[in-house]
Amino acid sequence: MSATVVPTKSNLMVLKKTQALARNGQELMDRKKNILVQEMLSMLPKVNQIRGKISDTYRKAYQALQEANITMGIVNEIAMAIPVDDGLHLNYRNLMGVDIPMVTHDPSNLRLSYGLRSTNSKFDYAYQMFQQVRDLTVQLAEIDNIVYRLANEIRKSQKRSNALKNVVLPSLDQNIKYITEILEEREREEFTRMKLIKKTKLGI
């Protein structure tokens, strides 16, 4: 029971409204958490798939680059002729109050921006593999960020639900019980007092 709570009917009404809001809030937090958990679980297979694929693609890309370096010498100057890719775009969608990032990439046609005479097929293959790496990295960056945000919001929702369930609601229940008992005791005292007054008037 709170030391500051005053046992009045108006306070009892306020506490009951607060109690109803707190219970509703806990239910909403639990529902939100469950929806976010389902969303995150649905993405985990895709995360594992992309991670496995990107590791294999990176391995092939660096192996191809190494072979290009061996057959052509160091290819740094040729690689500098490849233009910077600026086709990335970031938007958001809202899921239960969580901003979910949506990374899109404007796929550009595979263009050779370097002279064919100064390169060979191994360099071309390395270039192609690193473009695949880029595409997979975009996908992984998006889904990793989504999973991180969902996991963070799930923790927050669980924490808020626990606070309502284990701290706020028990305190409200205790205060409501205290005020109810005091008011009932006052009603019994008032009823007894009125009976005594009535008996006194009737001369019983």
C-alpha atoms as a PDB file:
ATOM      1  CA  MET A   1       0.000   0.000   0.000  1.00  0.00           C
ATOM      2  CA  SER A   2       1.372   3.431  -0.936  1.00  0.00           C
ATOM      3  CA  ALA A   3       1.899   5.814   1.963  1.00  0.00           C
ATOM      4  CA  THR A   4       0.527   8.697  -0.121  1.00  0.00           C
ATOM      5  CA  VAL A   5      -2.729   7.094  -1.270  1.00  0.00           C
ATOM      6  CA  VAL A   6      -5.838   8.678   0.228  1.00  0.00           C
ATOM      7  CA  PRO A   7      -8.753   6.251   0.760  1.00  0.00           C
ATOM      8  CA  THR A   8     -11.539   8.089  -1.084  1.00  0.00           C
ATOM      9  CA  LYS A   9     -14.093   6.928  -3.642  1.00  0.00           C
ATOM     10  CA  SER A  10     -12.676   9.272  -6.272  1.00  0.00           C
ATOM     11  CA  ASN A  11      -9.179   7.865  -5.784  1.00  0.00           C
ATOM     12  CA  LEU A  12     -10.584   4.354  -5.987  1.00  0.00           C
ATOM     13  CA  MET A  13     -12.202   5.163  -9.343  1.00  0.00           C
ATOM     14  CA  VAL A  14      -8.945   6.664 -10.645  1.00  0.00           C
ATOM     15  CA  LEU A  15      -6.950   3.638  -9.516  1.00  0.00           C
ATOM     16  CA  LYS A  16      -9.393   1.218 -11.163  1.00  0.00           C
ATOM     17  CA  LYS A  17      -9.152   3.123 -14.452  1.00  0.00           C
ATOM     18  CA  THR A  18      -5.364   3.096 -14.182  1.00  0.00           C
ATOM     19  CA  GLN A  19      -5.467  -0.620 -13.410  1.00  0.00           C
ATOM     20  CA  ALA A  20      -7.575  -1.303 -16.517  1.00  0.00           C
ATOM     21  CA  LEU A  21      -5.160   0.742 -18.652  1.00  0.00           C
ATOM     22  CA  ALA A  22      -2.157  -1.078 -17.184  1.00  0.00           C
ATOM     23  CA  ARG A  23      -3.702  -4.492 -17.885  1.00  0.00           C
ATOM     24  CA  ASN A  24      -4.545  -3.424 -21.418  1.00  0.00           C
ATOM     25  CA  GLY A  25      -1.015  -2.106 -21.818  1.00  0.00           C
ATOM     26  CA  GLN A  26       0.479  -5.390 -20.669  1.00  0.00           C
ATOM     27  CA  GLU A  27      -1.697  -7.331 -23.111  1.00  0.00           C
ATOM     28  CA  LEU A  28      -0.650  -4.999 -25.946  1.00  0.00           C
ATOM     29  CA  MET A  29       3.036  -5.371 -25.027  1.00  0.00           C
ATOM     30  CA  ASP A  30       2.696  -9.177 -25.006  1.00  0.00           C
ATOM     31  CA  ARG A  31       0.848  -9.130 -28.327  1.00  0.00           C
ATOM     32  CA  LYS A  32       3.437  -6.802 -29.847  1.00  0.00           C
ATOM     33  CA  LYS A  33       6.265  -9.008 -28.602  1.00  0.00           C
ATOM     34  CA  ASN A  34       4.654 -12.147 -30.072  1.00  0.00           C
ATOM     35  CA  ILE A  35       4.121 -10.512 -33.483  1.00  0.00           C
ATOM     36  CA  LEU A  36       7.709  -9.247 -33.571  1.00  0.00           C
ATOM     37  CA  VAL A  37       9.062 -12.656 -32.528  1.00  0.00           C
ATOM     38  CA  GLN A  38       7.107 -14.334 -35.333  1.00  0.00           C
ATOM     39  CA  GLU A  39       8.423 -11.759 -37.809  1.00  0.00           C
ATOM     40  CA  MET A  40      12.006 -12.289 -36.672  1.00  0.00           C
ATOM     41  CA  LEU A  41      11.739 -16.092 -36.716  1.00  0.00           C
ATOM     42  CA  SER A  42      10.396 -15.966 -40.267  1.00  0.00           C
ATOM     43  CA  MET A  43      13.563 -14.133 -41.340  1.00  0.00           C
ATOM     44  CA  LEU A  44      16.148 -16.372 -39.696  1.00  0.00           C
ATOM     45  CA  PRO A  45      16.168 -19.013 -42.485  1.00  0.00           C
ATOM     46  CA  LYS A  46      16.800 -16.265 -45.035  1.00  0.00           C
ATOM     47  CA  VAL A  47      19.629 -14.853 -42.903  1.00  0.00           C
ATOM     48  CA  ASN A  48      21.327 -18.262 -42.740  1.00  0.00           C
ATOM     49  CA  GLN A  49      20.820 -18.789 -46.454  1.00  0.00           C
ATOM     50  CA  ILE A  50      22.326 -15.430 -47.420  1.00  0.00           C
ATOM     51  CA  ARG A  51      25.222 -15.809 -44.967  1.00  0.00           C
ATOM     52  CA  GLY A  52      26.108 -19.193 -46.429  1.00  0.00           C
ATOM     53  CA  LYS A  53      25.824 -17.918 -49.972  1.00  0.00           C
ATOM     54  CA  ILE A  54      27.786 -14.730 -49.367  1.00  0.00           C
ATOM     55  CA  SER A  55      30.667 -16.612 -47.734  1.00  0.00           C
ATOM     56  CA  ASP A  56      30.951 -18.892 -50.761  1.00  0.00           C
ATOM     57  CA  THR A  57      30.681 -15.956 -53.170  1.00  0.00           C
ATOM     58  CA  TYR A  58      33.339 -13.953 -51.314  1.00  0.00           C
ATOM     59  CA  ARG A  59      35.659 -16.959 -51.429  1.00  0.00           C
ATOM     60  CA  LYS A  60      35.171 -17.337 -55.183  1.00  0.00           C
ATOM     61  CA  ALA A  61      35.561 -13.595 -55.772  1.00  0.00           C
ATOM     62  CA  TYR A  62      38.855 -13.305 -53.892  1.00  0.00           C
ATOM     63  CA  GLN A  63      40.157 -16.475 -55.498  1.00  0.00           C
ATOM     64  CA  ALA A  64      39.292 -15.041 -58.923  1.00  0.00           C
ATOM     65  CA  LEU A  65      40.992 -11.744 -57.997  1.00  0.00           C
ATOM     66  CA  GLN A  66      44.095 -13.604 -56.881  1.00  0.00           C
ATOM     67  CA  GLU A  67      44.200 -15.504 -60.159  1.00  0.00           C
ATOM     68  CA  ALA A  68      43.774 -12.228 -62.065  1.00  0.00           C
ATOM     69  CA  ASN A  69      46.680 -10.712 -60.113  1.00  0.00           C
ATOM     70  CA  ILE A  70      48.836 -13.745 -60.878  1.00  0.00           C
ATOM     71  CA  THR A  71      48.138 -13.708 -64.613  1.00  0.00           C
ATOM     72  CA  MET A  72      48.091  -9.928 -65.118  1.00  0.00           C
ATOM     73  CA  GLY A  73      50.115  -8.477 -62.296  1.00  0.00           C
ATOM     74  CA  ILE A  74      48.534  -6.220 -59.663  1.00  0.00           C
ATOM     75  CA  VAL A  75      45.227  -4.951 -61.058  1.00  0.00           C
ATOM     76  CA  ASN A  76      44.740  -1.898 -58.797  1.00  0.00           C
ATOM     77  CA  GLU A  77      44.953   0.657 -61.606  1.00  0.00           C
ATOM     78  CA  ILE A  78      42.505  -1.278 -63.788  1.00  0.00           C
ATOM     79  CA  ALA A  79      40.101  -1.670 -60.858  1.00  0.00           C
ATOM     80  CA  MET A  80      40.137   2.121 -60.347  1.00  0.00           C
ATOM     81  CA  ALA A  81      38.443   2.478 -63.745  1.00  0.00           C
ATOM     82  CA  ILE A  82      35.314   0.761 -62.368  1.00  0.00           C
ATOM     83  CA  PRO A  83      32.775   3.482 -61.396  1.00  0.00           C
ATOM     84  CA  VAL A  84      31.426   3.835 -57.865  1.00  0.00           C
ATOM     85  CA  ASP A  85      28.010   2.222 -57.439  1.00  0.00           C
ATOM     86  CA  ASP A  86      25.521   4.806 -56.120  1.00  0.00           C
ATOM     87  CA  GLY A  87      22.334   2.851 -56.778  1.00  0.00           C
ATOM     88  CA  LEU A  88      21.461   2.189 -53.121  1.00  0.00           C
ATOM     89  CA  HIS A  89      18.241   3.595 -51.631  1.00  0.00           C
ATOM     90  CA  LEU A  90      16.934   3.365 -48.066  1.00  0.00           C
ATOM     91  CA  ASN A  91      13.263   3.519 -47.068  1.00  0.00           C
ATOM     92  CA  TYR A  92      11.318   2.373 -44.010  1.00  0.00           C
ATOM     93  CA  ARG A  93       8.091   0.553 -43.276  1.00  0.00           C
ATOM     94  CA  ASN A  94       6.404   0.498 -39.892  1.00  0.00           C
ATOM     95  CA  LEU A  95       5.681  -2.738 -38.034  1.00  0.00           C
ATOM     96  CA  MET A  96       4.068  -2.382 -34.602  1.00  0.00           C
ATOM     97  CA  GLY A  97       5.863   0.923 -34.056  1.00  0.00           C
ATOM     98  CA  VAL A  98       9.227  -0.373 -35.295  1.00  0.00           C
ATOM     99  CA  ASP A  99      10.856   1.289 -38.303  1.00  0.00           C
ATOM    100  CA  ILE A 100      11.921  -1.577 -40.572  1.00  0.00           C
ATOM    101  CA  PRO A 101      14.613  -0.575 -43.107  1.00  0.00           C
ATOM    102  CA  MET A 102      14.065  -1.433 -46.747  1.00  0.00           C
ATOM    103  CA  VAL A 103      17.282  -1.287 -48.770  1.00  0.00           C
ATOM    104  CA  THR A 104      16.803  -1.274 -52.519  1.00  0.00           C
ATOM    105  CA  HIS A 105      19.433  -1.358 -55.191  1.00  0.00           C
ATOM    106  CA  ASP A 106      18.987  -0.248 -58.754  1.00  0.00           C
ATOM    107  CA  PRO A 107      20.532  -3.130 -60.669  1.00  0.00           C
ATOM    108  CA  SER A 108      22.813  -1.865 -63.377  1.00  0.00           C
ATOM    109  CA  ASN A 109      23.669  -3.904 -66.413  1.00  0.00           C
ATOM    110  CA  LEU A 110      27.074  -5.482 -66.294  1.00  0.00           C
ATOM    111  CA  ARG A 111      29.198  -2.889 -68.083  1.00  0.00           C
ATOM    112  CA  LEU A 112      32.869  -3.162 -68.796  1.00  0.00           C
ATOM    113  CA  SER A 113      34.465   0.171 -67.932  1.00  0.00           C
ATOM    114  CA  TYR A 114      37.995  -0.940 -68.643  1.00  0.00           C
ATOM    115  CA  GLY A 115      39.886  -1.891 -71.787  1.00  0.00           C
ATOM    116  CA  LEU A 116      39.572  -5.490 -72.886  1.00  0.00           C
ATOM    117  CA  ARG A 117      43.118  -5.546 -74.237  1.00  0.00           C
ATOM    118  CA  SER A 118      44.610  -4.891 -70.821  1.00  0.00           C
ATOM    119  CA  THR A 119      42.629  -7.614 -69.023  1.00  0.00           C
ATOM    120  CA  ASN A 120      41.767 -11.270 -69.386  1.00  0.00           C
ATOM    121  CA  SER A 121      38.852 -13.594 -68.639  1.00  0.00           C
ATOM    122  CA  LYS A 122      40.006 -14.128 -65.038  1.00  0.00           C
ATOM    123  CA  PHE A 123      39.706 -10.420 -64.320  1.00  0.00           C
ATOM    124  CA  ASP A 124      36.275 -10.347 -65.976  1.00  0.00           C
ATOM    125  CA  TYR A 125      35.179 -13.280 -63.815  1.00  0.00           C
ATOM    126  CA  ALA A 126      36.474 -11.566 -60.664  1.00  0.00           C
ATOM    127  CA  TYR A 127      34.552  -8.422 -61.620  1.00  0.00           C
ATOM    128  CA  GLN A 128      31.385 -10.461 -62.099  1.00  0.00           C
ATOM    129  CA  MET A 129      31.806 -12.266 -58.766  1.00  0.00           C
ATOM    130  CA  PHE A 130      32.323  -9.015 -56.846  1.00  0.00           C
ATOM    131  CA  GLN A 131      29.108  -7.671 -58.336  1.00  0.00           C
ATOM    132  CA  GLN A 132      27.349 -10.733 -56.932  1.00  0.00           C
ATOM    133  CA  VAL A 133      29.048 -10.034 -53.594  1.00  0.00           C
ATOM    134  CA  ARG A 134      27.696  -6.481 -53.725  1.00  0.00           C
ATOM    135  CA  ASP A 135      24.129  -7.686 -54.340  1.00  0.00           C
ATOM    136  CA  LEU A 136      24.301 -10.237 -51.518  1.00  0.00           C
ATOM    137  CA  THR A 137      25.845  -7.671 -49.167  1.00  0.00           C
ATOM    138  CA  VAL A 138      22.907  -5.327 -49.815  1.00  0.00           C
ATOM    139  CA  GLN A 139      20.461  -8.117 -48.962  1.00  0.00           C
ATOM    140  CA  LEU A 140      22.391  -9.143 -45.850  1.00  0.00           C
ATOM    141  CA  ALA A 141      22.741  -5.556 -44.623  1.00  0.00           C
ATOM    142  CA  GLU A 142      18.984  -5.088 -44.878  1.00  0.00           C
ATOM    143  CA  ILE A 143      17.961  -8.313 -43.165  1.00  0.00           C
ATOM    144  CA  ASP A 144      20.650  -8.066 -40.449  1.00  0.00           C
ATOM    145  CA  ASN A 145      19.449  -4.579 -39.609  1.00  0.00           C
ATOM    146  CA  ILE A 146      15.832  -5.749 -39.506  1.00  0.00           C
ATOM    147  CA  VAL A 147      16.634  -8.663 -37.183  1.00  0.00           C
ATOM    148  CA  TYR A 148      18.672  -6.380 -34.898  1.00  0.00           C
ATOM    149  CA  ARG A 149      15.864  -3.816 -34.661  1.00  0.00           C
ATOM    150  CA  LEU A 150      13.241  -6.506 -34.038  1.00  0.00           C
ATOM    151  CA  ALA A 151      15.345  -8.177 -31.337  1.00  0.00           C
ATOM    152  CA  ASN A 152      15.932  -4.819 -29.643  1.00  0.00           C
ATOM    153  CA  GLU A 153      12.213  -3.970 -29.691  1.00  0.00           C
ATOM    154  CA  ILE A 154      11.316  -7.463 -28.416  1.00  0.00           C
ATOM    155  CA  ARG A 155      13.588  -6.894 -25.404  1.00  0.00           C
ATOM    156  CA  LYS A 156      11.973  -3.501 -24.750  1.00  0.00           C
ATOM    157  CA  SER A 157       8.452  -4.927 -25.036  1.00  0.00           C
ATOM    158  CA  GLN A 158       9.303  -7.786 -22.673  1.00  0.00           C
ATOM    159  CA  LYS A 159      10.830  -5.362 -20.172  1.00  0.00           C
ATOM    160  CA  ARG A 160       7.754  -3.101 -20.255  1.00  0.00           C
ATOM    161  CA  SER A 161       5.410  -6.071 -19.940  1.00  0.00           C
ATOM    162  CA  ASN A 162       7.351  -7.383 -16.932  1.00  0.00           C
ATOM    163  CA  ALA A 163       7.320  -3.937 -15.300  1.00  0.00           C
ATOM    164  CA  LEU A 164       3.545  -3.687 -15.696  1.00  0.00           C
ATOM    165  CA  LYS A 165       2.971  -7.255 -14.544  1.00  0.00           C
ATOM    166  CA  ASN A 166       5.403  -7.386 -11.620  1.00  0.00           C
ATOM    167  CA  VAL A 167       5.547  -3.789 -10.388  1.00  0.00           C
ATOM    168  CA  VAL A 168       2.735  -1.534 -11.580  1.00  0.00           C
ATOM    169  CA  LEU A 169      -0.228  -3.927 -11.387  1.00  0.00           C
ATOM    170  CA  PRO A 170       0.638  -5.439  -7.964  1.00  0.00           C
ATOM    171  CA  SER A 171       1.005  -1.911  -6.545  1.00  0.00           C
ATOM    172  CA  LEU A 172      -2.343  -0.871  -8.022  1.00  0.00           C
ATOM    173  CA  ASP A 173      -4.015  -4.054  -6.765  1.00  0.00           C
ATOM    174  CA  GLN A 174      -2.669  -3.418  -3.282  1.00  0.00           C
ATOM    175  CA  ASN A 175      -3.823   0.205  -3.238  1.00  0.00           C
ATOM    176  CA  ILE A 176      -7.277  -0.720  -4.565  1.00  0.00           C
ATOM    177  CA  LYS A 177      -7.625  -3.424  -1.929  1.00  0.00           C
ATOM    178  CA  TYR A 178      -6.542  -1.018   0.802  1.00  0.00           C
ATOM    179  CA  ILE A 179      -8.998   1.719  -0.233  1.00  0.00           C
ATOM    180  CA  THR A 180     -11.816  -0.787  -0.739  1.00  0.00           C
ATOM    181  CA  GLU A 181     -11.315  -2.231   2.749  1.00  0.00           C
ATOM    182  CA  ILE A 182     -11.205   1.236   4.320  1.00  0.00           C
ATOM    183  CA  LEU A 183     -14.364   2.356   2.498  1.00  0.00           C
ATOM    184  CA  GLU A 184     -16.205  -0.845   3.404  1.00  0.00           C
ATOM    185  CA  GLU A 185     -15.191  -0.417   7.029  1.00  0.00           C
ATOM    186  CA  ARG A 186     -16.466   3.155   6.948  1.00  0.00           C
ATOM    187  CA  GLU A 187     -19.772   1.991   5.456  1.00  0.00           C
ATOM    188  CA  ARG A 188     -20.164  -0.610   8.198  1.00  0.00           C
ATOM    189  CA  GLU A 189     -19.416   2.020  10.854  1.00  0.00           C
ATOM    190  CA  GLU A 190     -21.864   4.432   9.240  1.00  0.00           C
ATOM    191  CA  PHE A 191     -24.535   1.726   9.064  1.00  0.00           C
ATOM    192  CA  THR A 192     -24.024   0.856  12.732  1.00  0.00           C
ATOM    193  CA  ARG A 193     -24.124   4.533  13.706  1.00  0.00           C
ATOM    194  CA  MET A 194     -27.356   5.076  11.781  1.00  0.00           C
ATOM    195  CA  LYS A 195     -28.957   2.069  13.497  1.00  0.00           C
ATOM    196  CA  LEU A 196     -27.991   3.446  16.899  1.00  0.00           C
ATOM    197  CA  ILE A 197     -29.429   6.850  16.023  1.00  0.00           C
ATOM    198  CA  LYS A 198     -32.650   5.221  14.838  1.00  0.00           C
ATOM    199  CA  LYS A 199     -32.943   3.140  17.994  1.00  0.00           C
ATOM    200  CA  THR A 200     -32.305   6.223  20.107  1.00  0.00           C
ATOM    201  CA  LYS A 201     -35.063   8.159  18.307  1.00  0.00           C
ATOM    202  CA  LEU A 202     -37.503   5.278  18.704  1.00  0.00           C
ATOM    203  CA  GLY A 203     -36.568   4.915  22.345  1.00  0.00           C
ATOM    204  CA  ILE A 204     -35.704   1.271  21.996  1.00  0.00           C
END
